[in-house]
Each structure stands twice: as C-alpha cells, then as structure tokens.
Amino acid sequence: MARIKPQALLLQSKKKKGPSGVSVTTIIVCILIVAVMVFSLYSTYRYWFRRSIVQTHDDLSTSKAIERKKSDIPKYALISTSKGLITVELYKDGSPDIFDEFIDFSQKGHFKEMQFTRVIKNSVIHGSKVERPEATEEWTLMGKHYSQLDPSLKHEAFMLGTSKVKHEGGGFDLFITTAPILDLNDKINVFGRVIKGEEVVQEIEEVDTDDHYRPKTRVQINEVTLKQRT
C-alpha cells in the first residue's frame, strides 16, 4: 500500500474544509434592507408624532376659542332710561333662545327710544314698539293680590322678561315687574333680574297714567349696553 505524503494530505484537507464565505453583494443587500426598514419606521414615527402635535394644538385652540366665546357672553345689561340707569343681571340658562334674541336686538339698537307704553302700579312696567293693549290686560288685577302670594315661591319683583306672544312684524318687548307676580313664568319669558336701579323702576311705576295705563308723559329707554362685568 502506497504511503500518502504529508504535503498531499495537507492539500486534501484544505480542499475539504474550504471556507463557505458570504458574498459582498449579499452583505450590501442586507444592509440596504435594514436601512430601508429603519428609515420607514423613523418616517412613520415622525409622521404620527407631528400629527399628534398638530392635533394637540388644534384641541388647545378649540378649547381656547370656546373659553373665549364663553367669556364674551354678556352677563349684564345697562338699560339707560329717561328716569335713570337700570342694571340687569342676565340669565342665559333659563331661556337661552330668548337670551340670544335679546342680545341680538340690543346689538342692533332695537331698544333705542323704546317707550314704556304701559305702567301698572304694583305689577309691571312694559316697554314696547308695538301697540298691544291686550298684552297688559291680564296684569291689571295682579297688584291687588300680590301680598297674598306664598313668600317661598319665586315670584319676585324687579324681574326682566319679554312677552311669550310673538309680535306681528317681529320686535321684542320688555317687562319689568314691580311686585311679586303669581305664575310669572306662565306670563312672560324671564331672562334677567334688576340688581341696581330699583329706585328708577319705582320712579317709572309712579308716573301718572290714563285709564288705559299709558303714561301721560313720555318715559323711554335711551339705549341698552351689554357688559361682561358691572
């Protein structure tokens, strides 16, 4: 049997154990795939991160706008009359539609030179630009019975409201009670209370009237000014 030389064995061994190397192309392709995946993840993160910032900014802007809008809502009406100034605290929650309508008419100057067309002692003073005698007929007997009302019920004097009956041709009239009125909310839409100038209301109440409760001398509203604070 022939002996194999050591050099031949070494060469044979090297041929059997030759390295299984990875090509440069494969490595480059793998690196590119990883890079694309990392870039894609980064782009997605950046997109959603920016979107969340924009959404947060929009939410803050919306909430600030709502807060600003709420803060712009008038809380008081200053009714300047030929007898003096009457300050009214406005109530939006009770009659929001009526409140908004009053604000709209005030801003349009509807109440300028509006006359108090009916004055019923111990009951109400009524300002209107529409002649409606029937609007005050049901009030004429109220003054005789107001002292018999249950004091626990909220039928207070110096409440501001408007008629529940729509006028022909639009318009907006004003009632200010001068005494507690039974079933007040059944008669008018109440949306405010006099907090200053009660003596002015009483002075208007004391003017001389004819048999139809119309003042003999002109008493009018000069203008209505809306305020956030008094």
C-alpha atoms as a PDB file:
ATOM      1  CA  MET A   1       0.000   0.000   0.000  1.00  0.00           C
ATOM      2  CA  ALA A   2       1.495   3.307  -1.048  1.00  0.00           C
ATOM      3  CA  ARG A   3       2.009   5.923   1.613  1.00  0.00           C
ATOM      4  CA  ILE A   4       0.469   9.354   1.079  1.00  0.00           C
ATOM      5  CA  LYS A   5       2.889  12.128   1.507  1.00  0.00           C
ATOM      6  CA  PRO A   6       2.231  14.679   4.260  1.00  0.00           C
ATOM      7  CA  GLN A   7       2.023  17.578   1.751  1.00  0.00           C
ATOM      8  CA  ALA A   8      -0.657  15.744  -0.230  1.00  0.00           C
ATOM      9  CA  LEU A   9      -2.677  15.146   2.953  1.00  0.00           C
ATOM     10  CA  LEU A  10      -2.457  18.845   3.806  1.00  0.00           C
ATOM     11  CA  LEU A  11      -3.730  19.860   0.374  1.00  0.00           C
ATOM     12  CA  GLN A  12      -6.566  17.315   0.607  1.00  0.00           C
ATOM     13  CA  SER A  13      -7.582  18.665   3.991  1.00  0.00           C
ATOM     14  CA  LYS A  14      -7.684  22.239   2.753  1.00  0.00           C
ATOM     15  CA  LYS A  15      -9.906  21.293  -0.168  1.00  0.00           C
ATOM     16  CA  LYS A  16     -12.427  19.572   2.152  1.00  0.00           C
ATOM     17  CA  LYS A  17     -12.559  22.385   4.729  1.00  0.00           C
ATOM     18  CA  GLY A  18     -12.663  25.305   2.317  1.00  0.00           C
ATOM     19  CA  PRO A  19     -14.465  28.337   3.788  1.00  0.00           C
ATOM     20  CA  SER A  20     -18.179  28.864   2.899  1.00  0.00           C
ATOM     21  CA  GLY A  21     -17.826  32.670   2.525  1.00  0.00           C
ATOM     22  CA  VAL A  22     -20.814  35.212   2.103  1.00  0.00           C
ATOM     23  CA  SER A  23     -20.530  37.390  -0.946  1.00  0.00           C
ATOM     24  CA  VAL A  24     -20.127  41.148  -0.703  1.00  0.00           C
ATOM     25  CA  THR A  25     -23.293  41.647  -2.747  1.00  0.00           C
ATOM     26  CA  THR A  26     -25.379  39.723  -0.216  1.00  0.00           C
ATOM     27  CA  ILE A  27     -23.987  41.827   2.648  1.00  0.00           C
ATOM     28  CA  ILE A  28     -24.769  45.067   0.811  1.00  0.00           C
ATOM     29  CA  VAL A  29     -28.319  43.919   0.040  1.00  0.00           C
ATOM     30  CA  CYS A  30     -28.907  43.032   3.720  1.00  0.00           C
ATOM     31  CA  ILE A  31     -27.571  46.413   4.846  1.00  0.00           C
ATOM     32  CA  LEU A  32     -29.869  48.201   2.379  1.00  0.00           C
ATOM     33  CA  ILE A  33     -32.904  46.222   3.578  1.00  0.00           C
ATOM     34  CA  VAL A  34     -32.143  47.094   7.218  1.00  0.00           C
ATOM     35  CA  ALA A  35     -31.608  50.742   6.272  1.00  0.00           C
ATOM     36  CA  VAL A  36     -34.935  50.878   4.417  1.00  0.00           C
ATOM     37  CA  MET A  37     -36.748  49.322   7.388  1.00  0.00           C
ATOM     38  CA  VAL A  38     -35.154  51.766   9.844  1.00  0.00           C
ATOM     39  CA  PHE A  39     -35.994  54.734   7.596  1.00  0.00           C
ATOM     40  CA  SER A  40     -39.570  53.510   7.197  1.00  0.00           C
ATOM     41  CA  LEU A  41     -40.016  53.153  10.958  1.00  0.00           C
ATOM     42  CA  TYR A  42     -38.485  56.585  11.546  1.00  0.00           C
ATOM     43  CA  SER A  43     -40.718  58.195   8.915  1.00  0.00           C
ATOM     44  CA  THR A  44     -43.826  56.588  10.411  1.00  0.00           C
ATOM     45  CA  TYR A  45     -42.863  57.716  13.907  1.00  0.00           C
ATOM     46  CA  ARG A  46     -42.135  61.240  12.700  1.00  0.00           C
ATOM     47  CA  TYR A  47     -45.491  61.431  10.873  1.00  0.00           C
ATOM     48  CA  TRP A  48     -47.561  60.333  13.870  1.00  0.00           C
ATOM     49  CA  PHE A  49     -45.501  62.464  16.233  1.00  0.00           C
ATOM     50  CA  ARG A  50     -46.134  65.590  14.134  1.00  0.00           C
ATOM     51  CA  ARG A  51     -49.779  64.677  13.728  1.00  0.00           C
ATOM     52  CA  SER A  52     -50.212  64.334  17.494  1.00  0.00           C
ATOM     53  CA  ILE A  53     -48.623  67.767  17.979  1.00  0.00           C
ATOM     54  CA  VAL A  54     -50.950  69.335  15.388  1.00  0.00           C
ATOM     55  CA  GLN A  55     -53.969  67.594  16.937  1.00  0.00           C
ATOM     56  CA  THR A  56     -52.991  68.779  20.399  1.00  0.00           C
ATOM     57  CA  HIS A  57     -52.537  72.312  19.094  1.00  0.00           C
ATOM     58  CA  ASP A  58     -55.936  72.202  17.369  1.00  0.00           C
ATOM     59  CA  ASP A  59     -57.589  70.881  20.536  1.00  0.00           C
ATOM     60  CA  LEU A  60     -55.994  73.665  22.578  1.00  0.00           C
ATOM     61  CA  SER A  61     -57.042  76.259  20.015  1.00  0.00           C
ATOM     62  CA  THR A  62     -60.597  74.920  20.010  1.00  0.00           C
ATOM     63  CA  SER A  63     -60.832  74.904  23.815  1.00  0.00           C
ATOM     64  CA  LYS A  64     -59.382  78.424  23.975  1.00  0.00           C
ATOM     65  CA  ALA A  65     -61.890  79.582  21.366  1.00  0.00           C
ATOM     66  CA  ILE A  66     -64.730  78.046  23.379  1.00  0.00           C
ATOM     67  CA  GLU A  67     -63.451  79.668  26.568  1.00  0.00           C
ATOM     68  CA  ARG A  68     -63.065  82.978  24.759  1.00  0.00           C
ATOM     69  CA  LYS A  69     -66.559  82.662  23.352  1.00  0.00           C
ATOM     70  CA  LYS A  70     -67.966  81.956  26.811  1.00  0.00           C
ATOM     71  CA  SER A  71     -66.090  84.894  28.286  1.00  0.00           C
ATOM     72  CA  ASP A  72     -67.546  87.135  25.549  1.00  0.00           C
ATOM     73  CA  ILE A  73     -71.123  86.355  26.566  1.00  0.00           C
ATOM     74  CA  PRO A  74     -72.622  89.467  28.203  1.00  0.00           C
ATOM     75  CA  LYS A  75     -73.678  88.952  31.793  1.00  0.00           C
ATOM     76  CA  TYR A  76     -75.250  92.343  32.402  1.00  0.00           C
ATOM     77  CA  ALA A  77     -77.444  94.819  30.549  1.00  0.00           C
ATOM     78  CA  LEU A  78     -77.337  98.516  31.398  1.00  0.00           C
ATOM     79  CA  ILE A  79     -80.726  99.982  30.490  1.00  0.00           C
ATOM     80  CA  SER A  80     -80.460 103.746  30.243  1.00  0.00           C
ATOM     81  CA  THR A  81     -83.896 105.377  30.619  1.00  0.00           C
ATOM     82  CA  SER A  82     -85.187 108.922  30.745  1.00  0.00           C
ATOM     83  CA  LYS A  83     -85.531 108.419  34.517  1.00  0.00           C
ATOM     84  CA  GLY A  84     -82.087 106.915  35.157  1.00  0.00           C
ATOM     85  CA  LEU A  85     -79.983 103.795  34.773  1.00  0.00           C
ATOM     86  CA  ILE A  86     -81.224 100.253  35.448  1.00  0.00           C
ATOM     87  CA  THR A  87     -78.651  97.443  35.722  1.00  0.00           C
ATOM     88  CA  VAL A  88     -79.872  93.942  34.986  1.00  0.00           C
ATOM     89  CA  GLU A  89     -78.118  90.626  35.570  1.00  0.00           C
ATOM     90  CA  LEU A  90     -78.904  88.370  32.625  1.00  0.00           C
ATOM     91  CA  TYR A  91     -79.805  84.684  32.877  1.00  0.00           C
ATOM     92  CA  LYS A  92     -78.917  82.576  29.840  1.00  0.00           C
ATOM     93  CA  ASP A  93     -79.594  79.124  31.309  1.00  0.00           C
ATOM     94  CA  GLY A  94     -83.293  79.635  31.950  1.00  0.00           C
ATOM     95  CA  SER A  95     -84.240  80.832  28.440  1.00  0.00           C
ATOM     96  CA  PRO A  96     -81.215  80.538  26.142  1.00  0.00           C
ATOM     97  CA  ASP A  97     -83.152  81.346  22.945  1.00  0.00           C
ATOM     98  CA  ILE A  98     -84.758  84.420  24.491  1.00  0.00           C
ATOM     99  CA  PHE A  99     -81.384  85.480  25.920  1.00  0.00           C
ATOM    100  CA  ASP A 100     -79.760  85.233  22.482  1.00  0.00           C
ATOM    101  CA  GLU A 101     -82.631  87.139  20.911  1.00  0.00           C
ATOM    102  CA  PHE A 102     -82.312  89.927  23.485  1.00  0.00           C
ATOM    103  CA  ILE A 103     -78.550  90.168  22.857  1.00  0.00           C
ATOM    104  CA  ASP A 104     -79.165  90.339  19.107  1.00  0.00           C
ATOM    105  CA  PHE A 105     -81.805  93.077  19.404  1.00  0.00           C
ATOM    106  CA  SER A 106     -79.606  95.038  21.835  1.00  0.00           C
ATOM    107  CA  GLN A 107     -76.644  94.964  19.470  1.00  0.00           C
ATOM    108  CA  LYS A 108     -78.864  96.123  16.617  1.00  0.00           C
ATOM    109  CA  GLY A 109     -80.088  99.100  18.659  1.00  0.00           C
ATOM    110  CA  HIS A 110     -83.699  97.893  18.751  1.00  0.00           C
ATOM    111  CA  PHE A 111     -84.364  99.324  22.227  1.00  0.00           C
ATOM    112  CA  LYS A 112     -83.223 102.885  21.470  1.00  0.00           C
ATOM    113  CA  GLU A 113     -86.092 105.299  22.169  1.00  0.00           C
ATOM    114  CA  MET A 114     -88.441 102.451  23.076  1.00  0.00           C
ATOM    115  CA  GLN A 115     -91.287 103.892  25.169  1.00  0.00           C
ATOM    116  CA  PHE A 116     -92.767 102.409  28.304  1.00  0.00           C
ATOM    117  CA  THR A 117     -96.244 102.092  26.798  1.00  0.00           C
ATOM    118  CA  ARG A 118     -97.986 100.639  29.866  1.00  0.00           C
ATOM    119  CA  VAL A 119     -97.347 101.240  33.566  1.00  0.00           C
ATOM    120  CA  ILE A 120     -99.432  99.227  36.008  1.00  0.00           C
ATOM    121  CA  LYS A 121     -98.758 100.028  39.659  1.00  0.00           C
ATOM    122  CA  ASN A 122     -97.886  97.115  41.933  1.00  0.00           C
ATOM    123  CA  SER A 123     -97.470  94.934  38.881  1.00  0.00           C
ATOM    124  CA  VAL A 124     -95.333  95.753  35.866  1.00  0.00           C
ATOM    125  CA  ILE A 125     -93.881  98.362  33.561  1.00  0.00           C
ATOM    126  CA  HIS A 126     -94.000  97.440  29.893  1.00  0.00           C
ATOM    127  CA  GLY A 127     -91.775  98.784  27.133  1.00  0.00           C
ATOM    128  CA  SER A 128     -92.693  98.113  23.528  1.00  0.00           C
ATOM    129  CA  LYS A 129     -92.511  99.497  19.997  1.00  0.00           C
ATOM    130  CA  VAL A 130     -95.753  97.719  19.111  1.00  0.00           C
ATOM    131  CA  GLU A 131     -99.126  98.927  20.390  1.00  0.00           C
ATOM    132  CA  ARG A 132    -100.739  95.902  22.065  1.00  0.00           C
ATOM    133  CA  PRO A 133    -103.268  96.891  24.762  1.00  0.00           C
ATOM    134  CA  GLU A 134    -104.236  93.249  25.348  1.00  0.00           C
ATOM    135  CA  ALA A 135    -100.694  92.499  26.483  1.00  0.00           C
ATOM    136  CA  THR A 136    -101.305  94.288  29.789  1.00  0.00           C
ATOM    137  CA  GLU A 137    -104.961  93.459  30.421  1.00  0.00           C
ATOM    138  CA  GLU A 138    -104.194  90.328  32.429  1.00  0.00           C
ATOM    139  CA  TRP A 139    -101.768  92.288  34.607  1.00  0.00           C
ATOM    140  CA  THR A 140    -104.262  94.885  35.848  1.00  0.00           C
ATOM    141  CA  LEU A 141    -105.640  92.782  38.707  1.00  0.00           C
ATOM    142  CA  MET A 142    -102.313  91.383  39.854  1.00  0.00           C
ATOM    143  CA  GLY A 143    -101.405  94.280  42.096  1.00  0.00           C
ATOM    144  CA  LYS A 144    -104.411  93.736  44.342  1.00  0.00           C
ATOM    145  CA  HIS A 145    -103.373  90.212  45.268  1.00  0.00           C
ATOM    146  CA  TYR A 146     -99.588  90.163  45.290  1.00  0.00           C
ATOM    147  CA  SER A 147     -99.383  90.411  49.078  1.00  0.00           C
ATOM    148  CA  GLN A 148    -101.191  87.045  49.378  1.00  0.00           C
ATOM    149  CA  LEU A 149     -98.512  85.107  47.485  1.00  0.00           C
ATOM    150  CA  ASP A 150     -96.516  82.376  49.159  1.00  0.00           C
ATOM    151  CA  PRO A 151     -93.192  84.090  50.020  1.00  0.00           C
ATOM    152  CA  SER A 152     -91.312  80.830  49.436  1.00  0.00           C
ATOM    153  CA  LEU A 153     -92.249  80.891  45.754  1.00  0.00           C
ATOM    154  CA  LYS A 154     -90.062  82.798  43.342  1.00  0.00           C
ATOM    155  CA  HIS A 155     -92.436  85.471  42.066  1.00  0.00           C
ATOM    156  CA  GLU A 156     -90.110  88.349  42.954  1.00  0.00           C
ATOM    157  CA  ALA A 157     -90.302  91.943  41.885  1.00  0.00           C
ATOM    158  CA  PHE A 158     -87.718  93.503  39.574  1.00  0.00           C
ATOM    159  CA  MET A 159     -87.575  90.567  37.169  1.00  0.00           C
ATOM    160  CA  LEU A 160     -86.890  91.278  33.483  1.00  0.00           C
ATOM    161  CA  GLY A 161     -88.726  89.360  30.789  1.00  0.00           C
ATOM    162  CA  THR A 162     -90.436  89.527  27.435  1.00  0.00           C
ATOM    163  CA  SER A 163     -93.828  88.540  26.101  1.00  0.00           C
ATOM    164  CA  LYS A 164     -94.428  84.915  25.148  1.00  0.00           C
ATOM    165  CA  VAL A 165     -96.580  86.102  22.241  1.00  0.00           C
ATOM    166  CA  LYS A 166     -94.649  86.952  19.094  1.00  0.00           C
ATOM    167  CA  HIS A 167     -95.417  90.403  17.735  1.00  0.00           C
ATOM    168  CA  GLU A 168     -96.590  90.979  14.207  1.00  0.00           C
ATOM    169  CA  GLY A 169     -93.635  92.221  12.226  1.00  0.00           C
ATOM    170  CA  GLY A 170     -91.164  90.921  14.827  1.00  0.00           C
ATOM    171  CA  GLY A 171     -89.860  93.052  17.633  1.00  0.00           C
ATOM    172  CA  PHE A 172     -89.015  92.406  21.240  1.00  0.00           C
ATOM    173  CA  ASP A 173     -90.801  93.988  24.189  1.00  0.00           C
ATOM    174  CA  LEU A 174     -89.668  94.268  27.797  1.00  0.00           C
ATOM    175  CA  PHE A 175     -91.471  93.719  31.090  1.00  0.00           C
ATOM    176  CA  ILE A 176     -90.029  94.652  34.468  1.00  0.00           C
ATOM    177  CA  THR A 177     -92.110  93.505  37.406  1.00  0.00           C
ATOM    178  CA  THR A 178     -92.585  95.937  40.282  1.00  0.00           C
ATOM    179  CA  ALA A 179     -94.122  93.418  42.687  1.00  0.00           C
ATOM    180  CA  PRO A 180     -94.249  89.618  43.134  1.00  0.00           C
ATOM    181  CA  ILE A 181     -96.372  88.144  40.339  1.00  0.00           C
ATOM    182  CA  LEU A 182     -98.307  84.893  40.537  1.00  0.00           C
ATOM    183  CA  ASP A 183     -97.269  82.345  37.891  1.00  0.00           C
ATOM    184  CA  LEU A 184     -94.793  84.799  36.431  1.00  0.00           C
ATOM    185  CA  ASN A 185     -93.167  82.234  34.150  1.00  0.00           C
ATOM    186  CA  ASP A 186     -96.559  81.431  32.625  1.00  0.00           C
ATOM    187  CA  LYS A 187     -96.943  85.051  31.544  1.00  0.00           C
ATOM    188  CA  ILE A 188     -93.521  86.092  30.341  1.00  0.00           C
ATOM    189  CA  ASN A 189     -90.131  84.620  29.489  1.00  0.00           C
ATOM    190  CA  VAL A 190     -87.893  85.730  32.338  1.00  0.00           C
ATOM    191  CA  PHE A 191     -84.237  86.214  31.446  1.00  0.00           C
ATOM    192  CA  GLY A 192     -82.894  88.688  33.997  1.00  0.00           C
ATOM    193  CA  ARG A 193     -83.157  90.485  37.313  1.00  0.00           C
ATOM    194  CA  VAL A 194     -82.649  94.128  38.250  1.00  0.00           C
ATOM    195  CA  ILE A 195     -79.662  94.325  40.617  1.00  0.00           C
ATOM    196  CA  LYS A 196     -79.183  98.071  40.604  1.00  0.00           C
ATOM    197  CA  GLY A 197     -81.554 100.929  39.865  1.00  0.00           C
ATOM    198  CA  GLU A 198     -84.649  99.562  41.593  1.00  0.00           C
ATOM    199  CA  GLU A 199     -85.499 103.136  42.557  1.00  0.00           C
ATOM    200  CA  VAL A 200     -85.553 104.049  38.860  1.00  0.00           C
ATOM    201  CA  VAL A 201     -88.067 101.255  38.202  1.00  0.00           C
ATOM    202  CA  GLN A 202     -90.192 102.541  41.094  1.00  0.00           C
ATOM    203  CA  GLU A 203     -89.997 106.098  39.780  1.00  0.00           C
ATOM    204  CA  ILE A 204     -91.275 104.942  36.391  1.00  0.00           C
ATOM    205  CA  GLU A 205     -94.011 102.998  38.189  1.00  0.00           C
ATOM    206  CA  GLU A 206     -95.198 106.207  39.873  1.00  0.00           C
ATOM    207  CA  VAL A 207     -95.748 108.260  36.720  1.00  0.00           C
ATOM    208  CA  ASP A 208     -99.304 109.414  36.012  1.00  0.00           C
ATOM    209  CA  THR A 209    -101.200 107.256  33.525  1.00  0.00           C
ATOM    210  CA  ASP A 210    -104.516 107.457  31.701  1.00  0.00           C
ATOM    211  CA  ASP A 211    -107.373 104.962  32.010  1.00  0.00           C
ATOM    212  CA  HIS A 212    -105.502 102.571  29.716  1.00  0.00           C
ATOM    213  CA  TYR A 213    -102.350 102.638  31.850  1.00  0.00           C
ATOM    214  CA  ARG A 214    -100.446 104.698  29.301  1.00  0.00           C
ATOM    215  CA  PRO A 215     -98.053 107.250  30.810  1.00  0.00           C
ATOM    216  CA  LYS A 216     -99.209 110.824  30.339  1.00  0.00           C
ATOM    217  CA  THR A 217     -95.615 111.960  29.925  1.00  0.00           C
ATOM    218  CA  ARG A 218     -93.150 110.165  27.701  1.00  0.00           C
ATOM    219  CA  VAL A 219     -90.888 107.696  29.503  1.00  0.00           C
ATOM    220  CA  GLN A 220     -88.430 105.833  27.311  1.00  0.00           C
ATOM    221  CA  ILE A 221     -85.361 103.638  27.073  1.00  0.00           C
ATOM    222  CA  ASN A 222     -82.483 105.640  25.648  1.00  0.00           C
ATOM    223  CA  GLU A 223     -80.277 102.640  24.924  1.00  0.00           C
ATOM    224  CA  VAL A 224     -79.201  99.222  26.185  1.00  0.00           C
ATOM    225  CA  THR A 225     -75.498  98.500  26.745  1.00  0.00           C
ATOM    226  CA  LEU A 226     -74.203  94.971  27.230  1.00  0.00           C
ATOM    227  CA  LYS A 227     -71.352  94.263  29.665  1.00  0.00           C
ATOM    228  CA  GLN A 228     -69.327  91.294  30.913  1.00  0.00           C
ATOM    229  CA  ARG A 229     -68.982  92.935  34.314  1.00  0.00           C
ATOM    230  CA  THR A 230     -70.678  95.866  36.039  1.00  0.00           C
END
